[in-house]
Amino acid sequence: MKKIINEPSTVLDEMNRGFATAYADIVELHDDPLYVCRAGGAVQGKVGVVSGGGSGHEPLGGGYVGVGMLSAAAPGAFFSSPTPDQILAASQAADGGAGVLHLILNYTGDILNFETGAELADMEGIPIQTVVINDDVAVENSTYTAGRRGVAGAIVAFKLAGAAADRGDDLDNVTRIAAKANDWMATMGLAMTACTVPTVGKPSFELGEDEMELGIGVHGEPGVKRVPMMKADDIVDVLLEKVLDDLNLESGENVLLFINGLGATPLSEQYIMYNHAHDVLSAKGINVTRSQIGNFFTSLEMSGASLTVMRLDDELTELYDAPVRTAGWRAGA
């Protein structure tokens, strides 16, 4: 294991303190229990938006806390769910008196712990609503999940819900926006190498030198199948076919095209994927009116990428274009 760390047992603490120090103008870090919230606390009279999940997917989690996105996040240990007391604390920090939306990625541990966290928040008098993100179209009922997994599309849901909350929408409408985003997007990914969790010290799975796995999960969960290495255009064709089958897009519709790197895939390769995906969509009469490319939902140093398409209308486009200022996504603010 080659990593720029001190001791495996101190990685989480040191990385969280480093993150919070670097972005002290955007976030505040709290421990015992561990959570991240916006600098200055909740905005009074505004809906709070909270998410959380295992560490190792940075900038997922605290990296999306800030203006125009999340109000707070609860980071668990590497690839592990946050605990109910973390979720309660994050919800309390996000509560500005207008209720809190929980955006949960569909993993069994996250679902169970967020349910308990919501019950605890309700006992504290905080109204909670929930949207489960399950944009991964690769497989159903895989390791860690009942139903489809929540993957990179969650970042866009954070953005849209956060923008709606920041402009003053009530809890019901912020929840509706997040649910609409989830219903209107689909994602599928691939991996070429595994990652190594520092406290484990060995790769989470094995792939041959000439193998790749289609539809793999961000924790190394099995995908659709293992295949020999393919050219970039062929990879995109496989991913895009599954995504488009799910969305049933028609000629003339507008979409967001989002290529996400899993940690070790350079932007040059992500741009190659985007180029072919854009060509395929254009040939079908589908208009790519918004684009997102980069490492937004990673899996430590996994080599691979995911492809997300989201149907857009005027409402979602306006929210996508709204100002955002977080460590992981900044635009217009």
C-alpha atoms as a PDB file:
ATOM      1  CA  MET A   1       0.000   0.000   0.000  1.00  0.00           C
ATOM      2  CA  LYS A   2       1.479   3.316  -1.140  1.00  0.00           C
ATOM      3  CA  LYS A   3      -0.377   6.298   0.273  1.00  0.00           C
ATOM      4  CA  ILE A   4       0.592   9.741   1.536  1.00  0.00           C
ATOM      5  CA  ILE A   5      -0.544   9.138   5.106  1.00  0.00           C
ATOM      6  CA  ASN A   6       0.921   8.917   8.592  1.00  0.00           C
ATOM      7  CA  GLU A   7      -0.909   6.057  10.273  1.00  0.00           C
ATOM      8  CA  PRO A   8      -4.003   4.284   8.883  1.00  0.00           C
ATOM      9  CA  SER A   9      -5.770   4.829  12.198  1.00  0.00           C
ATOM     10  CA  THR A  10      -5.411   8.634  11.991  1.00  0.00           C
ATOM     11  CA  VAL A  11      -6.348   9.209   8.332  1.00  0.00           C
ATOM     12  CA  LEU A  12      -9.974  10.189   8.935  1.00  0.00           C
ATOM     13  CA  ASP A  13      -9.186  12.667  11.692  1.00  0.00           C
ATOM     14  CA  GLU A  14      -6.273  14.270   9.866  1.00  0.00           C
ATOM     15  CA  MET A  15      -8.050  14.565   6.525  1.00  0.00           C
ATOM     16  CA  ASN A  16     -11.176  16.087   8.106  1.00  0.00           C
ATOM     17  CA  ARG A  17      -9.144  18.626  10.051  1.00  0.00           C
ATOM     18  CA  GLY A  18      -7.147  19.493   6.936  1.00  0.00           C
ATOM     19  CA  PHE A  19     -10.315  19.921   4.896  1.00  0.00           C
ATOM     20  CA  ALA A  20     -12.006  22.124   7.484  1.00  0.00           C
ATOM     21  CA  THR A  21      -8.920  24.281   7.951  1.00  0.00           C
ATOM     22  CA  ALA A  22      -8.528  24.806   4.208  1.00  0.00           C
ATOM     23  CA  TYR A  23     -12.171  25.849   3.765  1.00  0.00           C
ATOM     24  CA  ALA A  24     -12.845  27.565   7.077  1.00  0.00           C
ATOM     25  CA  ASP A  25     -14.672  30.372   5.274  1.00  0.00           C
ATOM     26  CA  ILE A  26     -17.211  27.828   3.937  1.00  0.00           C
ATOM     27  CA  VAL A  27     -17.573  25.051   6.533  1.00  0.00           C
ATOM     28  CA  GLU A  28     -17.287  24.270  10.226  1.00  0.00           C
ATOM     29  CA  LEU A  29     -16.115  20.863  11.467  1.00  0.00           C
ATOM     30  CA  HIS A  30     -17.582  19.410  14.654  1.00  0.00           C
ATOM     31  CA  ASP A  31     -16.660  16.165  16.355  1.00  0.00           C
ATOM     32  CA  ASP A  32     -18.202  13.933  19.004  1.00  0.00           C
ATOM     33  CA  PRO A  33     -20.307  13.373  16.987  1.00  0.00           C
ATOM     34  CA  LEU A  34     -18.586  14.171  13.700  1.00  0.00           C
ATOM     35  CA  TYR A  35     -20.401  16.393  11.208  1.00  0.00           C
ATOM     36  CA  VAL A  36     -19.750  19.329   8.877  1.00  0.00           C
ATOM     37  CA  CYS A  37     -22.047  22.351   8.552  1.00  0.00           C
ATOM     38  CA  ARG A  38     -22.015  25.710   6.831  1.00  0.00           C
ATOM     39  CA  ALA A  39     -19.810  28.365   8.400  1.00  0.00           C
ATOM     40  CA  GLY A  40     -22.074  30.572  10.483  1.00  0.00           C
ATOM     41  CA  GLY A  41     -24.665  27.851  10.972  1.00  0.00           C
ATOM     42  CA  ALA A  42     -28.176  27.445   9.609  1.00  0.00           C
ATOM     43  CA  VAL A  43     -29.899  30.211   7.674  1.00  0.00           C
ATOM     44  CA  GLN A  44     -32.984  31.158   9.679  1.00  0.00           C
ATOM     45  CA  GLY A  45     -36.264  30.729   7.857  1.00  0.00           C
ATOM     46  CA  LYS A  46     -34.697  28.490   5.190  1.00  0.00           C
ATOM     47  CA  VAL A  47     -35.037  24.742   4.645  1.00  0.00           C
ATOM     48  CA  GLY A  48     -31.956  22.749   5.617  1.00  0.00           C
ATOM     49  CA  VAL A  49     -30.571  20.090   3.271  1.00  0.00           C
ATOM     50  CA  VAL A  50     -28.531  17.258   4.823  1.00  0.00           C
ATOM     51  CA  SER A  51     -26.771  14.226   3.402  1.00  0.00           C
ATOM     52  CA  GLY A  52     -24.038  11.881   4.507  1.00  0.00           C
ATOM     53  CA  GLY A  53     -22.288   8.632   3.801  1.00  0.00           C
ATOM     54  CA  GLY A  54     -19.002   6.843   4.018  1.00  0.00           C
ATOM     55  CA  SER A  55     -15.711   8.671   3.643  1.00  0.00           C
ATOM     56  CA  GLY A  56     -13.456   7.805   0.713  1.00  0.00           C
ATOM     57  CA  HIS A  57     -15.682   9.436  -1.921  1.00  0.00           C
ATOM     58  CA  GLU A  58     -14.373  12.982  -1.522  1.00  0.00           C
ATOM     59  CA  PRO A  59     -15.427  15.625  -2.279  1.00  0.00           C
ATOM     60  CA  LEU A  60     -18.735  13.878  -1.534  1.00  0.00           C
ATOM     61  CA  GLY A  61     -19.990  14.856   1.908  1.00  0.00           C
ATOM     62  CA  GLY A  62     -18.433  17.938   3.458  1.00  0.00           C
ATOM     63  CA  GLY A  63     -17.137  19.064   0.078  1.00  0.00           C
ATOM     64  CA  TYR A  64     -20.702  19.910  -0.954  1.00  0.00           C
ATOM     65  CA  VAL A  65     -21.633  21.866   2.179  1.00  0.00           C
ATOM     66  CA  GLY A  66     -22.025  25.548   1.428  1.00  0.00           C
ATOM     67  CA  VAL A  67     -24.088  28.166  -0.372  1.00  0.00           C
ATOM     68  CA  GLY A  68     -26.346  26.601  -2.982  1.00  0.00           C
ATOM     69  CA  MET A  69     -25.914  22.992  -1.868  1.00  0.00           C
ATOM     70  CA  LEU A  70     -25.952  21.157   1.452  1.00  0.00           C
ATOM     71  CA  SER A  71     -26.492  22.774   4.830  1.00  0.00           C
ATOM     72  CA  ALA A  72     -24.673  19.959   6.658  1.00  0.00           C
ATOM     73  CA  ALA A  73     -23.224  16.494   6.091  1.00  0.00           C
ATOM     74  CA  ALA A  74     -22.460  13.495   8.290  1.00  0.00           C
ATOM     75  CA  PRO A  75     -19.314  11.630   7.151  1.00  0.00           C
ATOM     76  CA  GLY A  76     -18.926   8.009   8.221  1.00  0.00           C
ATOM     77  CA  ALA A  77     -15.739   5.989   8.311  1.00  0.00           C
ATOM     78  CA  PHE A  78     -14.316   4.757   5.002  1.00  0.00           C
ATOM     79  CA  PHE A  79     -17.134   3.170   2.993  1.00  0.00           C
ATOM     80  CA  SER A  80     -19.266   3.023   6.170  1.00  0.00           C
ATOM     81  CA  SER A  81     -22.547   4.718   7.037  1.00  0.00           C
ATOM     82  CA  PRO A  82     -22.684   7.652   9.435  1.00  0.00           C
ATOM     83  CA  THR A  83     -24.279   6.897  12.790  1.00  0.00           C
ATOM     84  CA  PRO A  84     -27.720   8.152  13.889  1.00  0.00           C
ATOM     85  CA  ASP A  85     -26.202  10.559  16.408  1.00  0.00           C
ATOM     86  CA  GLN A  86     -24.100  12.127  13.628  1.00  0.00           C
ATOM     87  CA  ILE A  87     -27.211  12.483  11.458  1.00  0.00           C
ATOM     88  CA  LEU A  88     -29.161  14.052  14.324  1.00  0.00           C
ATOM     89  CA  ALA A  89     -26.377  16.537  15.014  1.00  0.00           C
ATOM     90  CA  ALA A  90     -26.130  17.471  11.316  1.00  0.00           C
ATOM     91  CA  SER A  91     -29.908  17.914  11.157  1.00  0.00           C
ATOM     92  CA  GLN A  92     -29.887  20.157  14.228  1.00  0.00           C
ATOM     93  CA  ALA A  93     -27.100  22.250  12.698  1.00  0.00           C
ATOM     94  CA  ALA A  94     -29.073  22.581   9.438  1.00  0.00           C
ATOM     95  CA  ASP A  95     -32.377  23.507  11.096  1.00  0.00           C
ATOM     96  CA  GLY A  96     -33.353  27.105  10.399  1.00  0.00           C
ATOM     97  CA  GLY A  97     -36.930  26.625  11.516  1.00  0.00           C
ATOM     98  CA  ALA A  98     -38.355  25.570   8.132  1.00  0.00           C
ATOM     99  CA  GLY A  99     -37.637  21.848   8.318  1.00  0.00           C
ATOM    100  CA  VAL A 100     -34.854  19.662   6.959  1.00  0.00           C
ATOM    101  CA  LEU A 101     -34.605  17.454   3.886  1.00  0.00           C
ATOM    102  CA  HIS A 102     -32.495  14.297   4.143  1.00  0.00           C
ATOM    103  CA  LEU A 103     -30.949  13.241   0.830  1.00  0.00           C
ATOM    104  CA  ILE A 104     -29.902   9.616   1.296  1.00  0.00           C
ATOM    105  CA  LEU A 105     -27.903   7.531  -1.153  1.00  0.00           C
ATOM    106  CA  ASN A 106     -29.495   4.105  -1.407  1.00  0.00           C
ATOM    107  CA  TYR A 107     -27.286   1.863   0.702  1.00  0.00           C
ATOM    108  CA  THR A 108     -28.834  -0.292   3.396  1.00  0.00           C
ATOM    109  CA  GLY A 109     -26.783   1.062   6.297  1.00  0.00           C
ATOM    110  CA  ASP A 110     -27.390   4.664   5.250  1.00  0.00           C
ATOM    111  CA  ILE A 111     -31.139   4.062   4.942  1.00  0.00           C
ATOM    112  CA  LEU A 112     -31.416   2.468   8.384  1.00  0.00           C
ATOM    113  CA  ASN A 113     -29.282   5.040  10.172  1.00  0.00           C
ATOM    114  CA  PHE A 114     -30.964   8.009   8.501  1.00  0.00           C
ATOM    115  CA  GLU A 115     -34.365   6.584   9.481  1.00  0.00           C
ATOM    116  CA  THR A 116     -33.241   6.491  13.103  1.00  0.00           C
ATOM    117  CA  GLY A 117     -31.669   9.935  12.806  1.00  0.00           C
ATOM    118  CA  ALA A 118     -34.939  11.319  11.399  1.00  0.00           C
ATOM    119  CA  GLU A 119     -36.891   9.795  14.281  1.00  0.00           C
ATOM    120  CA  LEU A 120     -34.520  11.420  16.766  1.00  0.00           C
ATOM    121  CA  ALA A 121     -34.839  14.763  14.968  1.00  0.00           C
ATOM    122  CA  ASP A 122     -38.631  14.491  15.025  1.00  0.00           C
ATOM    123  CA  MET A 123     -38.477  13.994  18.789  1.00  0.00           C
ATOM    124  CA  GLU A 124     -36.523  17.279  18.907  1.00  0.00           C
ATOM    125  CA  GLY A 125     -39.317  19.009  16.973  1.00  0.00           C
ATOM    126  CA  ILE A 126     -37.483  19.218  13.632  1.00  0.00           C
ATOM    127  CA  PRO A 127     -39.719  18.343  10.654  1.00  0.00           C
ATOM    128  CA  ILE A 128     -37.850  15.908   8.391  1.00  0.00           C
ATOM    129  CA  GLN A 129     -38.597  14.800   4.857  1.00  0.00           C
ATOM    130  CA  THR A 130     -36.551  12.271   2.899  1.00  0.00           C
ATOM    131  CA  VAL A 131     -35.591  11.545  -0.701  1.00  0.00           C
ATOM    132  CA  VAL A 132     -33.597   8.406  -1.504  1.00  0.00           C
ATOM    133  CA  ILE A 133     -31.201   8.748  -4.457  1.00  0.00           C
ATOM    134  CA  ASN A 134     -30.994   5.587  -6.593  1.00  0.00           C
ATOM    135  CA  ASP A 135     -29.702   6.689  -9.990  1.00  0.00           C
ATOM    136  CA  ASP A 136     -27.478   3.666 -10.776  1.00  0.00           C
ATOM    137  CA  VAL A 137     -29.169   1.668 -13.548  1.00  0.00           C
ATOM    138  CA  ALA A 138     -26.543  -1.095 -13.682  1.00  0.00           C
ATOM    139  CA  VAL A 139     -28.035  -3.613 -11.278  1.00  0.00           C
ATOM    140  CA  GLU A 140     -30.855  -4.127  -8.780  1.00  0.00           C
ATOM    141  CA  ASN A 141     -30.472  -5.533  -5.264  1.00  0.00           C
ATOM    142  CA  SER A 142     -26.693  -5.695  -5.279  1.00  0.00           C
ATOM    143  CA  THR A 143     -24.240  -5.869  -2.400  1.00  0.00           C
ATOM    144  CA  TYR A 144     -25.059  -3.159   0.183  1.00  0.00           C
ATOM    145  CA  THR A 145     -28.465  -2.298  -1.338  1.00  0.00           C
ATOM    146  CA  ALA A 146     -32.078  -3.229  -1.757  1.00  0.00           C
ATOM    147  CA  GLY A 147     -32.851  -1.757  -5.162  1.00  0.00           C
ATOM    148  CA  ARG A 148     -30.662   0.535  -7.227  1.00  0.00           C
ATOM    149  CA  ARG A 149     -27.582   2.201  -5.754  1.00  0.00           C
ATOM    150  CA  GLY A 150     -27.120   5.919  -5.281  1.00  0.00           C
ATOM    151  CA  VAL A 151     -24.063   7.163  -7.159  1.00  0.00           C
ATOM    152  CA  ALA A 152     -22.773  10.297  -8.916  1.00  0.00           C
ATOM    153  CA  GLY A 153     -26.189  11.679  -9.809  1.00  0.00           C
ATOM    154  CA  ALA A 154     -26.603  12.445  -6.112  1.00  0.00           C
ATOM    155  CA  ILE A 155     -24.288  15.432  -6.564  1.00  0.00           C
ATOM    156  CA  VAL A 156     -26.716  17.021  -9.008  1.00  0.00           C
ATOM    157  CA  ALA A 157     -29.629  16.331  -6.658  1.00  0.00           C
ATOM    158  CA  PHE A 158     -27.688  18.112  -3.882  1.00  0.00           C
ATOM    159  CA  LYS A 159     -27.192  21.076  -6.208  1.00  0.00           C
ATOM    160  CA  LEU A 160     -30.817  21.390  -7.292  1.00  0.00           C
ATOM    161  CA  ALA A 161     -32.326  20.875  -3.825  1.00  0.00           C
ATOM    162  CA  GLY A 162     -29.789  23.226  -2.256  1.00  0.00           C
ATOM    163  CA  ALA A 163     -30.554  25.938  -4.797  1.00  0.00           C
ATOM    164  CA  ALA A 164     -34.289  25.568  -4.171  1.00  0.00           C
ATOM    165  CA  ALA A 165     -33.770  25.809  -0.406  1.00  0.00           C
ATOM    166  CA  ASP A 166     -31.511  28.842  -0.681  1.00  0.00           C
ATOM    167  CA  ARG A 167     -34.018  30.779  -2.799  1.00  0.00           C
ATOM    168  CA  GLY A 168     -36.623  30.246  -0.071  1.00  0.00           C
ATOM    169  CA  ASP A 169     -38.759  27.316  -1.240  1.00  0.00           C
ATOM    170  CA  ASP A 170     -40.691  25.502   1.472  1.00  0.00           C
ATOM    171  CA  LEU A 171     -39.876  21.958   2.588  1.00  0.00           C
ATOM    172  CA  ASP A 172     -42.482  20.303   0.388  1.00  0.00           C
ATOM    173  CA  ASN A 173     -41.164  21.993  -2.745  1.00  0.00           C
ATOM    174  CA  VAL A 174     -37.495  21.350  -1.969  1.00  0.00           C
ATOM    175  CA  THR A 175     -38.427  17.691  -1.475  1.00  0.00           C
ATOM    176  CA  ARG A 176     -40.342  17.671  -4.764  1.00  0.00           C
ATOM    177  CA  ILE A 177     -37.348  19.109  -6.627  1.00  0.00           C
ATOM    178  CA  ALA A 178     -35.000  16.457  -5.215  1.00  0.00           C
ATOM    179  CA  ALA A 179     -37.426  13.647  -6.082  1.00  0.00           C
ATOM    180  CA  LYS A 180     -37.872  15.024  -9.594  1.00  0.00           C
ATOM    181  CA  ALA A 181     -34.105  15.155 -10.057  1.00  0.00           C
ATOM    182  CA  ASN A 182     -33.791  11.542  -8.962  1.00  0.00           C
ATOM    183  CA  ASP A 183     -36.584  10.412 -11.275  1.00  0.00           C
ATOM    184  CA  TRP A 184     -35.116  12.269 -14.249  1.00  0.00           C
ATOM    185  CA  MET A 185     -31.540  10.954 -14.135  1.00  0.00           C
ATOM    186  CA  ALA A 186     -29.693   7.703 -14.699  1.00  0.00           C
ATOM    187  CA  THR A 187     -26.074   6.687 -14.132  1.00  0.00           C
ATOM    188  CA  MET A 188     -23.811   3.761 -14.985  1.00  0.00           C
ATOM    189  CA  GLY A 189     -20.097   3.314 -14.346  1.00  0.00           C
ATOM    190  CA  LEU A 190     -17.087   1.094 -14.906  1.00  0.00           C
ATOM    191  CA  ALA A 191     -13.832   0.293 -13.123  1.00  0.00           C
ATOM    192  CA  MET A 192     -10.414  -0.763 -14.381  1.00  0.00           C
ATOM    193  CA  THR A 193      -8.624  -1.060 -11.031  1.00  0.00           C
ATOM    194  CA  ALA A 194      -9.613  -1.418  -7.393  1.00  0.00           C
ATOM    195  CA  CYS A 195      -8.964   0.971  -4.533  1.00  0.00           C
ATOM    196  CA  THR A 196      -7.360   0.332  -1.149  1.00  0.00           C
ATOM    197  CA  VAL A 197      -8.984   1.455   2.097  1.00  0.00           C
ATOM    198  CA  PRO A 198      -6.130   2.646   4.370  1.00  0.00           C
ATOM    199  CA  THR A 199      -7.283   0.646   7.372  1.00  0.00           C
ATOM    200  CA  VAL A 200      -7.589  -2.530   5.262  1.00  0.00           C
ATOM    201  CA  GLY A 201      -4.279  -2.223   3.457  1.00  0.00           C
ATOM    202  CA  LYS A 202      -5.101  -4.249   0.345  1.00  0.00           C
ATOM    203  CA  PRO A 203      -7.230  -3.738  -2.776  1.00  0.00           C
ATOM    204  CA  SER A 204     -10.958  -4.194  -2.261  1.00  0.00           C
ATOM    205  CA  PHE A 205     -11.255  -6.522  -5.268  1.00  0.00           C
ATOM    206  CA  GLU A 206      -9.122  -7.895  -8.092  1.00  0.00           C
ATOM    207  CA  LEU A 207      -9.218  -7.276 -11.830  1.00  0.00           C
ATOM    208  CA  GLY A 208      -6.857  -8.769 -14.371  1.00  0.00           C
ATOM    209  CA  GLU A 209      -4.474  -6.524 -16.280  1.00  0.00           C
ATOM    210  CA  ASP A 210      -6.680  -6.750 -19.384  1.00  0.00           C
ATOM    211  CA  GLU A 211     -10.048  -6.713 -17.575  1.00  0.00           C
ATOM    212  CA  MET A 212     -12.611  -4.091 -16.680  1.00  0.00           C
ATOM    213  CA  GLU A 213     -15.944  -4.336 -14.867  1.00  0.00           C
ATOM    214  CA  LEU A 214     -19.061  -2.701 -16.252  1.00  0.00           C
ATOM    215  CA  GLY A 215     -21.647  -1.378 -13.817  1.00  0.00           C
ATOM    216  CA  ILE A 216     -19.426  -1.729 -10.769  1.00  0.00           C
ATOM    217  CA  GLY A 217     -20.400   0.024  -7.531  1.00  0.00           C
ATOM    218  CA  VAL A 218     -18.317   2.729  -5.882  1.00  0.00           C
ATOM    219  CA  HIS A 219     -17.308   0.345  -3.069  1.00  0.00           C
ATOM    220  CA  GLY A 220     -16.324  -2.411  -5.488  1.00  0.00           C
ATOM    221  CA  GLU A 221     -19.749  -4.079  -5.519  1.00  0.00           C
ATOM    222  CA  PRO A 222     -20.169  -6.433  -8.494  1.00  0.00           C
ATOM    223  CA  GLY A 223     -21.386  -4.893 -11.725  1.00  0.00           C
ATOM    224  CA  VAL A 224     -23.040  -6.308 -14.822  1.00  0.00           C
ATOM    225  CA  LYS A 225     -20.058  -8.294 -16.052  1.00  0.00           C
ATOM    226  CA  ARG A 226     -16.299  -8.398 -16.417  1.00  0.00           C
ATOM    227  CA  VAL A 227     -15.066  -7.935 -19.952  1.00  0.00           C
ATOM    228  CA  PRO A 228     -11.759  -7.452 -21.759  1.00  0.00           C
ATOM    229  CA  MET A 229     -10.561  -3.858 -21.969  1.00  0.00           C
ATOM    230  CA  MET A 230     -12.476  -1.857 -24.556  1.00  0.00           C
ATOM    231  CA  LYS A 231     -11.862   1.346 -26.478  1.00  0.00           C
ATOM    232  CA  ALA A 232     -13.341   4.497 -25.000  1.00  0.00           C
ATOM    233  CA  ASP A 233     -16.130   4.829 -27.579  1.00  0.00           C
ATOM    234  CA  ASP A 234     -17.215   1.234 -27.018  1.00  0.00           C
ATOM    235  CA  ILE A 235     -17.300   1.778 -23.250  1.00  0.00           C
ATOM    236  CA  VAL A 236     -19.466   4.858 -23.683  1.00  0.00           C
ATOM    237  CA  ASP A 237     -21.811   3.004 -26.037  1.00  0.00           C
ATOM    238  CA  VAL A 238     -22.431   0.322 -23.402  1.00  0.00           C
ATOM    239  CA  LEU A 239     -22.984   2.802 -20.574  1.00  0.00           C
ATOM    240  CA  LEU A 240     -25.118   5.160 -22.606  1.00  0.00           C
ATOM    241  CA  GLU A 241     -27.355   2.424 -23.987  1.00  0.00           C
ATOM    242  CA  LYS A 242     -28.341   1.342 -20.482  1.00  0.00           C
ATOM    243  CA  VAL A 243     -28.842   4.930 -19.320  1.00  0.00           C
ATOM    244  CA  LEU A 244     -30.991   5.892 -22.304  1.00  0.00           C
ATOM    245  CA  ASP A 245     -33.084   2.736 -22.002  1.00  0.00           C
ATOM    246  CA  ASP A 246     -33.962   3.856 -18.490  1.00  0.00           C
ATOM    247  CA  LEU A 247     -34.787   7.479 -19.326  1.00  0.00           C
ATOM    248  CA  ASN A 248     -36.820   6.974 -22.535  1.00  0.00           C
ATOM    249  CA  LEU A 249     -35.688  10.326 -23.890  1.00  0.00           C
ATOM    250  CA  GLU A 250     -37.227  11.680 -27.075  1.00  0.00           C
ATOM    251  CA  SER A 251     -35.677  13.751 -29.845  1.00  0.00           C
ATOM    252  CA  GLY A 252     -35.746  17.436 -28.966  1.00  0.00           C
ATOM    253  CA  GLU A 253     -35.361  17.015 -25.201  1.00  0.00           C
ATOM    254  CA  ASN A 254     -32.656  18.842 -23.252  1.00  0.00           C
ATOM    255  CA  VAL A 255     -30.242  17.047 -20.924  1.00  0.00           C
ATOM    256  CA  LEU A 256     -27.290  17.409 -18.610  1.00  0.00           C
ATOM    257  CA  LEU A 257     -24.363  15.148 -19.545  1.00  0.00           C
ATOM    258  CA  PHE A 258     -22.147  14.387 -16.546  1.00  0.00           C
ATOM    259  CA  ILE A 259     -18.903  12.401 -16.721  1.00  0.00           C
ATOM    260  CA  ASN A 260     -17.523  11.614 -13.261  1.00  0.00           C
ATOM    261  CA  GLY A 261     -14.060  10.267 -12.497  1.00  0.00           C
ATOM    262  CA  LEU A 262     -13.685   7.714  -9.716  1.00  0.00           C
ATOM    263  CA  GLY A 263     -10.355   9.009  -8.446  1.00  0.00           C
ATOM    264  CA  ALA A 264      -7.517   7.905 -10.730  1.00  0.00           C
ATOM    265  CA  THR A 265      -8.943   8.607 -14.182  1.00  0.00           C
ATOM    266  CA  PRO A 266      -7.377  11.729 -15.745  1.00  0.00           C
ATOM    267  CA  LEU A 267      -9.496  14.475 -17.210  1.00  0.00           C
ATOM    268  CA  SER A 268      -8.083  13.709 -20.650  1.00  0.00           C
ATOM    269  CA  GLU A 269      -9.853  10.331 -20.608  1.00  0.00           C
ATOM    270  CA  GLN A 270     -13.026  11.841 -19.175  1.00  0.00           C
ATOM    271  CA  TYR A 271     -13.094  14.343 -22.039  1.00  0.00           C
ATOM    272  CA  ILE A 272     -12.758  11.498 -24.545  1.00  0.00           C
ATOM    273  CA  MET A 273     -15.782   9.821 -22.961  1.00  0.00           C
ATOM    274  CA  TYR A 274     -17.730  13.077 -23.010  1.00  0.00           C
ATOM    275  CA  ASN A 275     -16.873  13.697 -26.661  1.00  0.00           C
ATOM    276  CA  HIS A 276     -18.371  10.423 -27.873  1.00  0.00           C
ATOM    277  CA  ALA A 277     -21.377  10.577 -25.532  1.00  0.00           C
ATOM    278  CA  HIS A 278     -22.185  14.074 -26.792  1.00  0.00           C
ATOM    279  CA  ASP A 279     -21.933  12.871 -30.406  1.00  0.00           C
ATOM    280  CA  VAL A 280     -24.257   9.926 -29.747  1.00  0.00           C
ATOM    281  CA  LEU A 281     -26.845  12.085 -27.993  1.00  0.00           C
ATOM    282  CA  SER A 282     -26.706  14.725 -30.706  1.00  0.00           C
ATOM    283  CA  ALA A 283     -27.221  12.090 -33.401  1.00  0.00           C
ATOM    284  CA  LYS A 284     -30.412  11.067 -31.579  1.00  0.00           C
ATOM    285  CA  GLY A 285     -31.659  14.652 -31.547  1.00  0.00           C
ATOM    286  CA  ILE A 286     -31.076  15.025 -27.791  1.00  0.00           C
ATOM    287  CA  ASN A 287     -29.722  18.448 -26.838  1.00  0.00           C
ATOM    288  CA  VAL A 288     -26.862  18.553 -24.328  1.00  0.00           C
ATOM    289  CA  THR A 289     -27.541  21.973 -22.818  1.00  0.00           C
ATOM    290  CA  ARG A 290     -25.508  21.537 -19.613  1.00  0.00           C
ATOM    291  CA  SER A 291     -22.272  19.645 -18.957  1.00  0.00           C
ATOM    292  CA  GLN A 292     -20.321  18.513 -15.900  1.00  0.00           C
ATOM    293  CA  ILE A 293     -16.933  16.761 -16.084  1.00  0.00           C
ATOM    294  CA  GLY A 294     -14.517  15.917 -13.280  1.00  0.00           C
ATOM    295  CA  ASN A 295     -13.945  14.007 -10.051  1.00  0.00           C
ATOM    296  CA  PHE A 296     -17.107  14.774  -8.080  1.00  0.00           C
ATOM    297  CA  PHE A 297     -17.850  11.360  -6.512  1.00  0.00           C
ATOM    298  CA  THR A 298     -14.703   9.284  -6.167  1.00  0.00           C
ATOM    299  CA  SER A 299     -13.749   5.924  -4.728  1.00  0.00           C
ATOM    300  CA  LEU A 300     -10.308   6.667  -3.290  1.00  0.00           C
ATOM    301  CA  GLU A 301      -7.839   5.846  -6.095  1.00  0.00           C
ATOM    302  CA  MET A 302     -10.105   3.626  -8.193  1.00  0.00           C
ATOM    303  CA  SER A 303      -9.503   3.909 -11.917  1.00  0.00           C
ATOM    304  CA  GLY A 304     -12.819   4.255 -13.681  1.00  0.00           C
ATOM    305  CA  ALA A 305     -15.666   6.639 -14.432  1.00  0.00           C
ATOM    306  CA  SER A 306     -19.419   6.971 -14.515  1.00  0.00           C
ATOM    307  CA  LEU A 307     -21.779   8.549 -17.015  1.00  0.00           C
ATOM    308  CA  THR A 308     -24.936  10.359 -15.925  1.00  0.00           C
ATOM    309  CA  VAL A 309     -27.678  11.831 -18.073  1.00  0.00           C
ATOM    310  CA  MET A 310     -30.416  14.002 -16.551  1.00  0.00           C
ATOM    311  CA  ARG A 311     -33.490  15.252 -18.372  1.00  0.00           C
ATOM    312  CA  LEU A 312     -33.786  19.039 -18.010  1.00  0.00           C
ATOM    313  CA  ASP A 313     -36.687  21.471 -18.166  1.00  0.00           C
ATOM    314  CA  ASP A 314     -36.739  25.208 -17.429  1.00  0.00           C
ATOM    315  CA  GLU A 315     -37.237  24.618 -13.699  1.00  0.00           C
ATOM    316  CA  LEU A 316     -34.264  22.287 -13.237  1.00  0.00           C
ATOM    317  CA  THR A 317     -32.051  24.318 -15.576  1.00  0.00           C
ATOM    318  CA  GLU A 318     -32.647  27.484 -13.529  1.00  0.00           C
ATOM    319  CA  LEU A 319     -31.700  25.663 -10.332  1.00  0.00           C
ATOM    320  CA  TYR A 320     -28.651  24.059 -11.948  1.00  0.00           C
ATOM    321  CA  ASP A 321     -27.449  27.525 -13.001  1.00  0.00           C
ATOM    322  CA  ALA A 322     -27.974  29.090  -9.550  1.00  0.00           C
ATOM    323  CA  PRO A 323     -24.838  30.251  -7.673  1.00  0.00           C
ATOM    324  CA  VAL A 324     -22.995  27.644  -5.621  1.00  0.00           C
ATOM    325  CA  ARG A 325     -19.975  27.967  -3.353  1.00  0.00           C
ATOM    326  CA  THR A 326     -18.607  24.807  -1.788  1.00  0.00           C
ATOM    327  CA  ALA A 327     -15.200  23.175  -1.658  1.00  0.00           C
ATOM    328  CA  GLY A 328     -16.188  20.715  -4.379  1.00  0.00           C
ATOM    329  CA  TRP A 329     -18.326  22.839  -6.715  1.00  0.00           C
ATOM    330  CA  ARG A 330     -18.197  26.598  -7.280  1.00  0.00           C
ATOM    331  CA  ALA A 331     -20.068  28.583  -9.910  1.00  0.00           C
ATOM    332  CA  GLY A 332     -21.422  32.116  -9.989  1.00  0.00           C
ATOM    333  CA  ALA A 333     -20.664  32.750  -6.320  1.00  0.00           C
END
